[in-house]
Amino acid sequence: MVDRSYKIKYLPLFEADLMEIVEYITFNLKNPKAAADLVSDVERLILERSNCPLAFEAFESVRDREYQYYRIYVRNYVIFYVVMDNSHDCDGIMEVRRILYNKRKRDKYL
């Protein structure tokens, strides 16, 4: 099996989602350590997944999409990403699009 290299790209919407979560945990729940631990876990799991982002079951969306969504579960949250093939400097791009609370209705946000 040939190793593939996927470049990670974070959408501003993902970054805004993560900041909102971190601020909620830090200020509302008054637990900055838990917020920092969550960010570390998110970063680690995304980096791990970038080695083989297509090796997991795709998320079935209710909408037709150009790129299929995939999920990463981290604590009470779900990270959603797509994989786009690219023939330039790497084999493809893993575009991280959202991070949502696991119990939230996803169809409204994806």
N, C-alpha and C. Protein backbone atom coordinates (compact mmCIF):
# COMPACT_ATOMS: atom_id res chain seq x y z
N MET A 1 0.84 -1.18 0.00
CA MET A 1 0.00 0.00 0.00
C MET A 1 0.89 1.25 0.00
N VAL A 2 0.59 2.20 -0.85
CA VAL A 2 1.36 3.41 -0.99
C VAL A 2 0.89 4.44 0.03
N ASP A 3 1.85 5.07 0.75
CA ASP A 3 1.50 6.12 1.68
C ASP A 3 1.05 7.35 0.91
N ARG A 4 0.00 7.97 1.40
CA ARG A 4 -0.48 9.20 0.78
C ARG A 4 -0.25 10.35 1.73
N SER A 5 -0.11 11.51 1.19
CA SER A 5 0.12 12.70 1.98
C SER A 5 -1.07 13.64 1.81
N TYR A 6 -1.75 13.94 2.90
CA TYR A 6 -2.90 14.84 2.85
C TYR A 6 -2.58 16.12 3.60
N LYS A 7 -2.75 17.22 2.91
CA LYS A 7 -2.58 18.53 3.52
C LYS A 7 -3.86 18.84 4.28
N ILE A 8 -3.74 19.38 5.48
CA ILE A 8 -4.91 19.74 6.29
C ILE A 8 -5.22 21.21 6.08
N LYS A 9 -6.49 21.48 5.78
CA LYS A 9 -6.96 22.85 5.61
C LYS A 9 -8.14 23.04 6.57
N TYR A 10 -8.11 24.10 7.36
CA TYR A 10 -9.17 24.40 8.32
C TYR A 10 -10.02 25.54 7.78
N LEU A 11 -11.32 25.31 7.67
CA LEU A 11 -12.22 26.39 7.26
C LEU A 11 -12.43 27.36 8.43
N PRO A 12 -12.64 28.64 8.14
CA PRO A 12 -12.93 29.61 9.19
C PRO A 12 -14.14 29.20 10.04
N LEU A 13 -15.11 28.53 9.45
CA LEU A 13 -16.28 28.09 10.19
C LEU A 13 -15.89 27.08 11.27
N PHE A 14 -14.98 26.16 10.96
CA PHE A 14 -14.48 25.22 11.96
C PHE A 14 -13.78 25.97 13.09
N GLU A 15 -12.94 26.92 12.72
CA GLU A 15 -12.20 27.69 13.73
C GLU A 15 -13.16 28.46 14.63
N ALA A 16 -14.23 29.02 14.06
CA ALA A 16 -15.23 29.74 14.84
C ALA A 16 -15.98 28.79 15.77
N ASP A 17 -16.34 27.61 15.25
CA ASP A 17 -17.00 26.60 16.09
C ASP A 17 -16.12 26.24 17.29
N LEU A 18 -14.84 25.98 17.02
CA LEU A 18 -13.94 25.56 18.09
C LEU A 18 -13.75 26.68 19.11
N MET A 19 -13.61 27.90 18.65
CA MET A 19 -13.46 29.03 19.58
C MET A 19 -14.70 29.18 20.46
N GLU A 20 -15.88 29.02 19.88
CA GLU A 20 -17.12 29.11 20.66
C GLU A 20 -17.16 28.03 21.74
N ILE A 21 -16.76 26.82 21.39
CA ILE A 21 -16.74 25.71 22.34
C ILE A 21 -15.73 25.98 23.45
N VAL A 22 -14.53 26.43 23.08
CA VAL A 22 -13.49 26.72 24.06
C VAL A 22 -13.92 27.83 25.01
N GLU A 23 -14.52 28.87 24.47
CA GLU A 23 -14.99 29.97 25.32
C GLU A 23 -16.09 29.51 26.27
N TYR A 24 -16.99 28.68 25.79
CA TYR A 24 -18.07 28.16 26.64
C TYR A 24 -17.50 27.34 27.79
N ILE A 25 -16.59 26.42 27.47
CA ILE A 25 -16.01 25.57 28.51
C ILE A 25 -15.17 26.40 29.49
N THR A 26 -14.42 27.36 28.96
CA THR A 26 -13.55 28.18 29.80
C THR A 26 -14.33 29.12 30.70
N PHE A 27 -15.29 29.84 30.13
CA PHE A 27 -15.95 30.90 30.89
C PHE A 27 -17.28 30.47 31.52
N ASN A 28 -18.11 29.74 30.81
CA ASN A 28 -19.39 29.33 31.38
C ASN A 28 -19.22 28.18 32.36
N LEU A 29 -18.43 27.19 31.96
CA LEU A 29 -18.20 26.03 32.83
C LEU A 29 -17.03 26.26 33.78
N LYS A 30 -16.28 27.34 33.55
CA LYS A 30 -15.14 27.72 34.38
C LYS A 30 -14.13 26.58 34.51
N ASN A 31 -13.78 26.03 33.34
CA ASN A 31 -12.85 24.91 33.33
C ASN A 31 -11.85 25.07 32.17
N PRO A 32 -10.91 26.01 32.30
CA PRO A 32 -9.94 26.25 31.22
C PRO A 32 -9.06 25.03 30.91
N LYS A 33 -8.77 24.21 31.90
CA LYS A 33 -7.97 23.01 31.64
C LYS A 33 -8.71 22.05 30.72
N ALA A 34 -10.00 21.85 30.95
CA ALA A 34 -10.79 20.97 30.08
C ALA A 34 -10.83 21.52 28.66
N ALA A 35 -10.92 22.85 28.52
CA ALA A 35 -10.92 23.47 27.19
C ALA A 35 -9.59 23.23 26.49
N ALA A 36 -8.50 23.42 27.21
CA ALA A 36 -7.17 23.20 26.61
C ALA A 36 -6.97 21.73 26.25
N ASP A 37 -7.44 20.83 27.10
CA ASP A 37 -7.34 19.39 26.81
C ASP A 37 -8.15 19.02 25.57
N LEU A 38 -9.32 19.62 25.42
CA LEU A 38 -10.14 19.36 24.24
C LEU A 38 -9.42 19.81 22.97
N VAL A 39 -8.84 21.00 22.99
CA VAL A 39 -8.11 21.50 21.83
C VAL A 39 -6.95 20.57 21.48
N SER A 40 -6.23 20.10 22.48
CA SER A 40 -5.12 19.16 22.24
C SER A 40 -5.63 17.88 21.60
N ASP A 41 -6.74 17.36 22.11
CA ASP A 41 -7.31 16.13 21.55
C ASP A 41 -7.77 16.35 20.11
N VAL A 42 -8.40 17.48 19.84
CA VAL A 42 -8.87 17.80 18.49
C VAL A 42 -7.68 17.83 17.53
N GLU A 43 -6.63 18.55 17.90
CA GLU A 43 -5.44 18.65 17.04
C GLU A 43 -4.83 17.27 16.79
N ARG A 44 -4.67 16.49 17.85
CA ARG A 44 -4.05 15.17 17.73
C ARG A 44 -4.87 14.24 16.82
N LEU A 45 -6.18 14.22 17.02
CA LEU A 45 -7.02 13.32 16.23
C LEU A 45 -7.09 13.73 14.76
N ILE A 46 -7.09 15.02 14.48
CA ILE A 46 -7.08 15.47 13.09
C ILE A 46 -5.76 15.09 12.42
N LEU A 47 -4.66 15.29 13.11
CA LEU A 47 -3.36 14.90 12.54
C LEU A 47 -3.28 13.40 12.30
N GLU A 48 -3.76 12.62 13.25
CA GLU A 48 -3.77 11.16 13.06
C GLU A 48 -4.62 10.77 11.86
N ARG A 49 -5.80 11.37 11.74
CA ARG A 49 -6.72 11.02 10.66
C ARG A 49 -6.18 11.44 9.31
N SER A 50 -5.35 12.48 9.26
CA SER A 50 -4.83 12.96 7.98
C SER A 50 -3.95 11.92 7.28
N ASN A 51 -3.50 10.92 8.01
CA ASN A 51 -2.70 9.84 7.41
C ASN A 51 -3.55 8.89 6.57
N CYS A 52 -4.84 8.80 6.88
CA CYS A 52 -5.73 7.89 6.15
C CYS A 52 -7.18 8.36 6.26
N PRO A 53 -7.48 9.54 5.77
CA PRO A 53 -8.81 10.11 5.98
C PRO A 53 -9.95 9.39 5.27
N LEU A 54 -9.64 8.59 4.25
CA LEU A 54 -10.70 7.89 3.51
C LEU A 54 -10.94 6.47 4.03
N ALA A 55 -10.23 6.07 5.06
CA ALA A 55 -10.32 4.70 5.57
C ALA A 55 -11.50 4.51 6.53
N PHE A 56 -12.36 5.49 6.63
CA PHE A 56 -13.47 5.44 7.58
C PHE A 56 -14.79 5.59 6.84
N GLU A 57 -15.86 5.17 7.51
CA GLU A 57 -17.19 5.24 6.90
C GLU A 57 -17.59 6.70 6.67
N ALA A 58 -18.13 6.96 5.50
CA ALA A 58 -18.58 8.32 5.16
C ALA A 58 -19.87 8.63 5.91
N PHE A 59 -20.08 9.91 6.19
CA PHE A 59 -21.30 10.39 6.83
C PHE A 59 -22.36 10.58 5.77
N GLU A 60 -23.51 9.99 5.95
CA GLU A 60 -24.61 10.11 5.00
C GLU A 60 -25.33 11.44 5.23
N SER A 61 -25.16 12.35 4.33
CA SER A 61 -25.79 13.66 4.41
C SER A 61 -27.15 13.63 3.71
N VAL A 62 -28.05 14.49 4.15
CA VAL A 62 -29.36 14.58 3.50
C VAL A 62 -29.28 15.40 2.22
N ARG A 63 -28.19 16.13 2.04
CA ARG A 63 -28.00 16.96 0.85
C ARG A 63 -27.02 16.29 -0.12
N ASP A 64 -27.21 16.59 -1.40
CA ASP A 64 -26.22 16.15 -2.39
C ASP A 64 -25.01 17.07 -2.28
N ARG A 65 -23.84 16.46 -2.25
CA ARG A 65 -22.61 17.23 -2.07
C ARG A 65 -21.56 16.80 -3.07
N GLU A 66 -20.70 17.73 -3.40
CA GLU A 66 -19.59 17.41 -4.29
C GLU A 66 -18.60 16.47 -3.59
N TYR A 67 -18.36 16.71 -2.30
CA TYR A 67 -17.44 15.89 -1.52
C TYR A 67 -18.18 15.26 -0.35
N GLN A 68 -17.89 14.01 -0.09
CA GLN A 68 -18.51 13.26 0.99
C GLN A 68 -17.93 13.70 2.34
N TYR A 69 -18.80 13.82 3.34
CA TYR A 69 -18.36 14.16 4.69
C TYR A 69 -17.90 12.90 5.42
N TYR A 70 -16.90 13.09 6.28
CA TYR A 70 -16.41 12.06 7.20
C TYR A 70 -16.41 12.65 8.59
N ARG A 71 -16.37 11.77 9.61
CA ARG A 71 -16.46 12.23 11.00
C ARG A 71 -15.28 11.76 11.83
N ILE A 72 -14.97 12.58 12.83
CA ILE A 72 -14.04 12.21 13.89
C ILE A 72 -14.76 12.52 15.20
N TYR A 73 -14.87 11.52 16.05
CA TYR A 73 -15.50 11.74 17.36
C TYR A 73 -14.43 12.10 18.38
N VAL A 74 -14.68 13.18 19.12
CA VAL A 74 -13.77 13.59 20.18
C VAL A 74 -14.61 14.09 21.35
N ARG A 75 -14.56 13.33 22.44
CA ARG A 75 -15.35 13.63 23.64
C ARG A 75 -16.82 13.77 23.27
N ASN A 76 -17.45 14.92 23.58
CA ASN A 76 -18.87 15.13 23.27
C ASN A 76 -19.08 15.85 21.95
N TYR A 77 -18.09 15.83 21.08
CA TYR A 77 -18.14 16.59 19.83
C TYR A 77 -17.84 15.71 18.63
N VAL A 78 -18.23 16.21 17.46
CA VAL A 78 -17.96 15.52 16.21
C VAL A 78 -17.33 16.52 15.25
N ILE A 79 -16.19 16.14 14.69
CA ILE A 79 -15.51 16.95 13.69
C ILE A 79 -15.92 16.41 12.32
N PHE A 80 -16.28 17.31 11.41
CA PHE A 80 -16.67 16.91 10.06
C PHE A 80 -15.63 17.44 9.07
N TYR A 81 -15.24 16.57 8.14
CA TYR A 81 -14.25 16.95 7.14
C TYR A 81 -14.59 16.30 5.80
N VAL A 82 -13.98 16.83 4.75
CA VAL A 82 -14.08 16.25 3.41
C VAL A 82 -12.66 16.03 2.90
N VAL A 83 -12.55 15.18 1.89
CA VAL A 83 -11.25 14.91 1.28
C VAL A 83 -11.35 15.25 -0.20
N MET A 84 -10.44 16.11 -0.64
CA MET A 84 -10.40 16.53 -2.04
C MET A 84 -9.08 16.06 -2.64
N ASP A 85 -9.16 15.36 -3.76
CA ASP A 85 -7.94 14.92 -4.44
C ASP A 85 -7.26 16.12 -5.06
N ASN A 86 -5.94 16.03 -5.11
CA ASN A 86 -5.14 17.14 -5.61
C ASN A 86 -3.88 16.54 -6.23
N SER A 87 -3.51 16.96 -7.38
CA SER A 87 -2.33 16.40 -8.04
C SER A 87 -1.10 17.30 -7.91
N HIS A 88 -1.16 18.31 -7.04
CA HIS A 88 -0.04 19.23 -6.92
C HIS A 88 1.00 18.70 -5.93
N ASP A 89 1.22 19.39 -4.83
CA ASP A 89 2.30 19.06 -3.91
C ASP A 89 1.98 17.92 -2.94
N CYS A 90 0.77 17.44 -2.94
CA CYS A 90 0.41 16.32 -2.08
C CYS A 90 -0.70 15.53 -2.77
N ASP A 91 -1.07 14.42 -2.18
CA ASP A 91 -2.07 13.56 -2.80
C ASP A 91 -3.48 14.10 -2.64
N GLY A 92 -3.68 14.98 -1.71
CA GLY A 92 -5.02 15.51 -1.51
C GLY A 92 -5.08 16.47 -0.34
N ILE A 93 -6.26 17.01 -0.16
CA ILE A 93 -6.49 17.96 0.93
C ILE A 93 -7.59 17.40 1.81
N MET A 94 -7.33 17.39 3.10
CA MET A 94 -8.33 17.05 4.10
C MET A 94 -8.83 18.38 4.64
N GLU A 95 -10.04 18.76 4.23
CA GLU A 95 -10.59 20.06 4.62
C GLU A 95 -11.50 19.87 5.82
N VAL A 96 -11.10 20.42 6.95
CA VAL A 96 -11.85 20.31 8.20
C VAL A 96 -12.87 21.45 8.21
N ARG A 97 -14.15 21.08 8.25
CA ARG A 97 -15.20 22.08 8.03
C ARG A 97 -15.98 22.50 9.27
N ARG A 98 -16.31 21.56 10.16
CA ARG A 98 -17.14 21.90 11.33
C ARG A 98 -16.72 21.06 12.52
N ILE A 99 -17.01 21.56 13.71
CA ILE A 99 -17.00 20.77 14.93
C ILE A 99 -18.28 21.13 15.67
N LEU A 100 -19.09 20.12 15.96
CA LEU A 100 -20.41 20.33 16.56
C LEU A 100 -20.59 19.46 17.79
N TYR A 101 -21.41 19.95 18.70
CA TYR A 101 -21.78 19.16 19.86
C TYR A 101 -22.49 17.91 19.37
N ASN A 102 -22.18 16.78 19.91
CA ASN A 102 -22.66 15.49 19.42
C ASN A 102 -24.19 15.36 19.42
N LYS A 103 -24.87 16.02 20.32
CA LYS A 103 -26.33 15.89 20.43
C LYS A 103 -27.08 16.92 19.57
N ARG A 104 -26.36 17.79 18.92
CA ARG A 104 -26.96 18.85 18.10
C ARG A 104 -27.52 18.26 16.80
N LYS A 105 -28.62 18.80 16.32
CA LYS A 105 -29.17 18.35 15.03
C LYS A 105 -28.20 18.77 13.92
N ARG A 106 -27.63 17.80 13.26
CA ARG A 106 -26.56 18.08 12.30
C ARG A 106 -27.07 18.61 10.97
N ASP A 107 -28.24 18.16 10.54
CA ASP A 107 -28.74 18.56 9.23
C ASP A 107 -28.83 20.07 9.07
N LYS A 108 -29.11 20.75 10.16
CA LYS A 108 -29.23 22.22 10.11
C LYS A 108 -27.86 22.89 9.89
N TYR A 109 -26.79 22.24 10.33
CA TYR A 109 -25.47 22.84 10.32
C TYR A 109 -24.54 22.34 9.23
N LEU A 110 -24.94 21.26 8.55
CA LEU A 110 -24.06 20.70 7.53
C LEU A 110 -24.66 20.87 6.14
